Amino acid sequence: MPQTIDRTDGNRAIRSDYPEDRFDRVARSGRVGAHRIAARPRYVWQYLIAALLGFALLTTLGIVAVQAIGDAGKLPSSISNGPQASAAPQVTAELDPTATVAVLNGTGTENLAAAVDQIITQEGWGSILFSGAAASADVQISAVFYTDPADAPAAEGLAAQLGGLSTYTTSDYQEYGARLVVLLGSDYAGPGIDEARAMTEEEAANSGADASSAGGAGSGNEINPDTGNEVNPETGNDIDEATGWDIDPATGWPIDPTTGLPTDPTTIPVP
């Protein structure tokens, strides 16, 4: 049979007429309603990629920070194997023929300082006071040094003529008493290299000629065309090159001047 229900909730009054069913017999409770939260899928790989990116970023920032801290404590590097010097300010290059110059060879190339010395003198690029070896033979960077800032234009002018060398101010070369000091290093590619090589070859040739013409009895003697030995003008005998004694024509042995007898050369002490 139909039921009539009067329900008063606060100020509201609801009246409904409907047949009784099984829901009218459900036990009442204080719970009004509930909502389900749908579970969202978890993507583990997203968390893994995010972690790797974060690690890489932090590592990179850490390396940059360490390098910055390390560089902050370093001093500027100076010329390799050279004096402590500061780079010269930009000035206009102007050769000064009256500027006194010292040339120092810091390489293993023989006669390089002498060759550059000659070129500077011949071209009128300066007045040479000294040329010779530097304190070290393994200098790497060539440069022109000066002490007085007023000599900067002359230093730039000479440096340009020597192949575009750098210029620096320093007080380490005051002992030479020169306004400009040219330090030649292994990177030097300016004028004088070919001249230095030619000078070295000439010295070697002259040294060989002197050695071959020295002889035991002196130079200027006739040469026996058959033996190639010098001839003693007093005796007419060939001269032994090793001892400087006359050679006995019969035995071919040197004649000992103290005994006048031919002596086996294998028994003669080598001086």
Protein backbone atom coordinates (compact mmCIF):
# COMPACT_ATOMS: atom_id res chain seq x y z
CA MET A 1 0.00 0.00 0.00
CA PRO A 2 1.29 3.48 -0.60
CA GLN A 3 2.94 5.38 2.18
CA THR A 4 2.90 8.98 2.94
CA ILE A 5 6.01 10.33 4.61
CA ASP A 6 6.37 13.70 6.17
CA ARG A 7 10.06 14.60 6.74
CA THR A 8 11.00 17.85 8.32
CA ASP A 9 14.72 18.76 8.14
CA GLY A 10 15.26 22.20 9.59
CA ASN A 11 12.99 24.55 7.69
CA ARG A 12 12.47 22.17 4.80
CA ALA A 13 9.47 19.89 4.54
CA ILE A 14 9.46 17.15 1.96
CA ARG A 15 6.38 15.04 1.25
CA SER A 16 6.57 12.13 -1.14
CA ASP A 17 4.10 9.43 -1.98
CA TYR A 18 5.61 6.22 -3.38
CA PRO A 19 5.19 2.51 -2.78
CA GLU A 20 7.43 0.91 -0.18
CA ASP A 21 10.43 -1.04 -1.54
CA ARG A 22 13.58 -2.72 -0.22
CA PHE A 23 15.47 0.51 0.12
CA ASP A 24 13.00 1.70 2.76
CA ARG A 25 14.28 -1.08 5.00
CA VAL A 26 18.01 -0.16 4.78
CA ALA A 27 19.53 0.75 8.14
CA ARG A 28 20.20 4.44 8.43
CA SER A 29 23.67 5.83 9.23
CA GLY A 30 25.36 9.22 9.51
CA ARG A 31 27.22 8.83 6.20
CA VAL A 32 25.69 10.98 3.51
CA GLY A 33 27.88 10.02 0.50
CA ALA A 34 31.36 8.99 -0.70
CA HIS A 35 33.56 9.71 -3.74
CA ARG A 36 36.10 7.38 -5.21
CA ILE A 37 39.50 8.71 -6.32
CA ALA A 38 40.65 7.08 -9.49
CA ALA A 39 44.23 5.85 -9.23
CA ARG A 40 46.58 7.55 -11.67
CA PRO A 41 49.21 5.47 -13.43
CA ARG A 42 52.77 5.97 -12.17
CA TYR A 43 55.47 6.34 -14.80
CA VAL A 44 58.76 5.37 -13.13
CA TRP A 45 60.85 6.32 -16.14
CA GLN A 46 59.77 9.96 -15.79
CA TYR A 47 61.18 10.11 -12.27
CA LEU A 48 64.38 8.39 -13.44
CA ILE A 49 64.99 10.87 -16.26
CA ALA A 50 64.29 13.81 -13.97
CA ALA A 51 66.80 12.46 -11.44
CA LEU A 52 69.49 12.01 -14.10
CA LEU A 53 68.98 15.50 -15.49
CA GLY A 54 69.18 16.98 -12.02
CA PHE A 55 72.39 15.09 -11.28
CA ALA A 56 74.01 16.24 -14.55
CA LEU A 57 73.02 19.84 -13.94
CA LEU A 58 74.37 19.88 -10.41
CA THR A 59 77.61 18.19 -11.51
CA THR A 60 78.17 20.72 -14.29
CA LEU A 61 77.55 23.65 -11.99
CA GLY A 62 79.93 22.16 -9.45
CA ILE A 63 82.74 21.78 -11.98
CA VAL A 64 82.30 25.34 -13.24
CA ALA A 65 82.36 26.63 -9.67
CA VAL A 66 85.55 24.71 -8.81
CA GLN A 67 87.31 25.96 -11.93
CA ALA A 68 86.29 29.53 -11.22
CA ILE A 69 87.62 29.26 -7.67
CA GLY A 70 90.86 27.71 -8.90
CA ASP A 71 91.45 30.32 -11.60
CA ALA A 72 90.87 33.08 -9.11
CA GLY A 73 93.99 32.01 -7.21
CA LYS A 74 96.33 31.79 -10.22
CA LEU A 75 98.86 34.41 -11.24
CA PRO A 76 99.10 35.50 -14.89
CA SER A 77 101.70 33.44 -16.75
CA SER A 78 104.82 35.32 -17.84
CA ILE A 79 107.09 34.71 -20.79
CA SER A 80 108.42 31.14 -20.79
CA ASN A 81 111.96 31.00 -19.40
CA GLY A 82 112.10 34.79 -19.50
CA PRO A 83 111.93 37.61 -16.98
CA GLN A 84 108.87 38.78 -15.15
CA ALA A 85 107.55 41.44 -17.48
CA SER A 86 104.39 43.37 -18.21
CA ALA A 87 102.95 43.86 -21.67
CA ALA A 88 103.64 47.23 -23.18
CA PRO A 89 100.76 49.61 -23.84
CA GLN A 90 99.75 50.31 -27.41
CA VAL A 91 102.10 52.92 -28.86
CA THR A 92 103.16 54.06 -32.31
CA ALA A 93 106.21 52.16 -33.57
CA GLU A 94 109.15 54.42 -34.37
CA LEU A 95 112.68 53.18 -35.07
CA ASP A 96 115.43 54.98 -33.18
CA PRO A 97 118.90 54.41 -34.71
CA THR A 98 120.49 55.88 -31.58
CA ALA A 99 118.81 53.39 -29.23
CA THR A 100 121.39 51.11 -27.63
CA VAL A 101 120.59 47.42 -28.09
CA ALA A 102 121.66 44.12 -26.52
CA VAL A 103 120.92 40.88 -28.42
CA LEU A 104 120.64 37.64 -26.42
CA ASN A 105 120.46 34.24 -28.07
CA GLY A 106 118.21 31.96 -26.01
CA THR A 107 118.23 29.14 -28.57
CA GLY A 108 120.56 26.36 -29.63
CA THR A 109 121.14 28.00 -33.02
CA GLU A 110 124.79 29.05 -33.20
CA ASN A 111 125.70 32.60 -34.23
CA LEU A 112 122.06 33.76 -34.17
CA ALA A 113 122.80 36.70 -31.88
CA ALA A 114 125.80 37.69 -34.03
CA ALA A 115 123.73 37.53 -37.21
CA VAL A 116 120.92 39.66 -35.77
CA ASP A 117 123.57 42.02 -34.40
CA GLN A 118 124.99 42.55 -37.90
CA ILE A 119 121.56 43.11 -39.46
CA ILE A 120 120.54 45.69 -36.85
CA THR A 121 123.82 47.53 -37.38
CA GLN A 122 123.71 47.39 -41.18
CA GLU A 123 120.08 48.50 -41.38
CA GLY A 124 120.53 51.27 -38.81
CA TRP A 125 117.81 49.95 -36.51
CA GLY A 126 119.84 50.62 -33.38
CA SER A 127 123.30 50.78 -31.83
CA ILE A 128 124.57 47.42 -30.58
CA LEU A 129 126.20 47.35 -27.15
CA PHE A 130 126.32 43.60 -26.66
CA SER A 131 125.39 40.37 -28.42
CA GLY A 132 125.85 36.89 -27.08
CA ALA A 133 124.23 33.95 -25.36
CA ALA A 134 121.31 34.36 -22.96
CA ALA A 135 121.29 32.79 -19.50
CA SER A 136 119.21 29.90 -20.87
CA ALA A 137 119.34 28.13 -24.24
CA ASP A 138 115.73 26.93 -24.13
CA VAL A 139 113.83 30.22 -24.28
CA GLN A 140 110.55 29.70 -26.10
CA ILE A 141 109.21 33.19 -26.78
CA SER A 142 111.11 36.01 -28.50
CA ALA A 143 110.56 39.59 -27.38
CA VAL A 144 112.00 43.07 -27.11
CA PHE A 145 112.34 44.43 -23.56
CA TYR A 146 112.83 47.95 -22.27
CA THR A 147 112.81 49.69 -18.89
CA ASP A 148 112.01 53.34 -19.60
CA PRO A 149 108.43 53.89 -20.87
CA ALA A 150 109.85 56.55 -23.17
CA ASP A 151 111.57 53.76 -25.14
CA ALA A 152 108.28 52.05 -25.98
CA PRO A 153 108.09 53.49 -29.54
CA ALA A 154 111.67 52.41 -30.28
CA ALA A 155 110.98 48.94 -28.88
CA GLU A 156 107.88 48.60 -31.04
CA GLY A 157 109.79 49.78 -34.10
CA LEU A 158 112.64 47.30 -33.62
CA ALA A 159 110.25 44.49 -32.78
CA ALA A 160 108.37 45.07 -36.03
CA GLN A 161 111.58 44.85 -38.07
CA LEU A 162 112.53 41.58 -36.36
CA GLY A 163 109.39 39.78 -37.46
CA GLY A 164 106.69 41.33 -35.29
CA LEU A 165 107.98 40.42 -31.84
CA SER A 166 106.10 41.33 -28.68
CA THR A 167 107.43 44.10 -26.41
CA TYR A 168 107.50 44.15 -22.63
CA THR A 169 108.72 46.37 -19.83
CA THR A 170 111.12 44.86 -17.32
CA SER A 171 114.07 45.81 -15.14
CA ASP A 172 115.77 42.41 -15.30
CA TYR A 173 118.24 43.39 -18.05
CA GLN A 174 119.63 46.60 -16.62
CA GLU A 175 123.05 44.96 -16.27
CA TYR A 176 123.59 45.29 -20.04
CA GLY A 177 123.09 49.05 -19.92
CA ALA A 178 121.06 48.99 -23.14
CA ARG A 179 117.78 50.76 -23.74
CA LEU A 180 116.44 47.78 -25.71
CA VAL A 181 117.12 44.08 -25.14
CA VAL A 182 116.27 41.58 -27.86
CA LEU A 183 115.71 38.06 -26.51
CA LEU A 184 115.68 35.40 -29.23
CA GLY A 185 113.66 32.27 -28.49
CA SER A 186 112.78 29.07 -30.30
CA ASP A 187 109.84 30.79 -32.01
CA TYR A 188 112.07 33.38 -33.69
CA ALA A 189 111.43 33.54 -37.44
CA GLY A 190 112.80 37.00 -38.26
CA PRO A 191 115.89 38.09 -40.18
CA GLY A 192 119.23 36.54 -39.31
CA ILE A 193 118.42 32.83 -39.35
CA ASP A 194 119.94 32.16 -42.77
CA GLU A 195 122.88 34.42 -41.97
CA ALA A 196 123.55 32.53 -38.73
CA ARG A 197 123.53 29.20 -40.60
CA ALA A 198 125.97 30.57 -43.18
CA MET A 199 128.29 31.86 -40.46
CA THR A 200 128.31 28.47 -38.76
CA GLU A 201 129.10 26.66 -42.01
CA GLU A 202 131.91 29.10 -42.77
CA GLU A 203 133.43 28.60 -39.33
CA ALA A 204 133.33 24.83 -39.79
CA ALA A 205 135.01 25.10 -43.19
CA ASN A 206 137.74 27.39 -41.85
CA SER A 207 138.31 25.09 -38.90
CA GLY A 208 138.78 22.11 -41.19
CA ALA A 209 141.18 24.02 -43.43
CA ASP A 210 143.24 25.12 -40.45
CA ALA A 211 143.45 21.57 -39.12
CA SER A 212 144.54 20.12 -42.45
CA SER A 213 147.23 22.73 -43.01
CA ALA A 214 148.62 22.76 -39.46
CA GLY A 215 151.15 19.94 -39.94
CA GLY A 216 153.78 18.86 -37.43
CA ALA A 217 156.58 20.98 -38.84
CA GLY A 218 154.49 24.05 -39.54
CA SER A 219 152.62 25.39 -42.57
CA GLY A 220 153.96 26.61 -45.88
CA ASN A 221 156.03 23.49 -46.58
CA GLU A 222 155.99 21.68 -49.88
CA ILE A 223 153.77 18.63 -50.27
CA ASN A 224 155.12 15.34 -51.61
CA PRO A 225 152.66 14.54 -54.44
CA ASP A 226 153.35 10.79 -54.09
CA THR A 227 152.58 10.53 -50.36
CA GLY A 228 150.59 13.68 -49.63
CA ASN A 229 152.91 14.44 -46.69
CA GLU A 230 154.69 17.71 -46.04
CA VAL A 231 158.39 17.79 -46.86
CA ASN A 232 161.00 19.02 -44.40
CA PRO A 233 162.89 21.66 -46.42
CA GLU A 234 166.07 21.05 -44.39
CA THR A 235 166.32 17.28 -44.89
CA GLY A 236 164.05 16.64 -47.87
CA ASN A 237 162.29 13.87 -45.96
CA ASP A 238 158.56 13.52 -45.58
CA ILE A 239 157.14 14.63 -42.25
CA ASP A 240 155.08 12.22 -40.14
CA GLU A 241 151.75 13.94 -39.35
CA ALA A 242 151.28 12.20 -36.02
CA THR A 243 154.69 13.02 -34.51
CA GLY A 244 156.05 15.82 -36.70
CA TRP A 245 159.28 13.80 -37.14
CA ASP A 246 161.06 13.07 -40.40
CA ILE A 247 160.19 9.76 -42.02
CA ASP A 248 163.05 7.37 -42.83
CA PRO A 249 162.81 6.67 -46.60
CA ALA A 250 164.12 3.11 -46.13
CA THR A 251 161.81 1.89 -43.38
CA GLY A 252 158.95 4.38 -43.56
CA TRP A 253 159.21 4.82 -39.81
CA PRO A 254 159.48 8.19 -38.05
CA ILE A 255 163.02 9.16 -37.05
CA ASP A 256 163.31 9.89 -33.34
CA PRO A 257 165.16 13.24 -33.17
CA THR A 258 166.66 12.31 -29.81
CA THR A 259 168.32 9.11 -31.11
CA GLY A 260 168.38 9.73 -34.85
CA LEU A 261 167.05 6.22 -35.40
CA PRO A 262 163.85 5.05 -37.11
CA THR A 263 161.27 4.11 -34.50
CA ASP A 264 158.33 1.75 -34.78
CA PRO A 265 155.33 4.09 -34.79
CA THR A 266 153.31 1.62 -32.71
CA THR A 267 155.75 2.13 -29.84
CA ILE A 268 155.63 5.90 -29.92
CA PRO A 269 153.33 7.35 -27.21
CA VAL A 270 150.45 9.34 -28.61
CA PRO A 271 150.74 12.97 -27.39
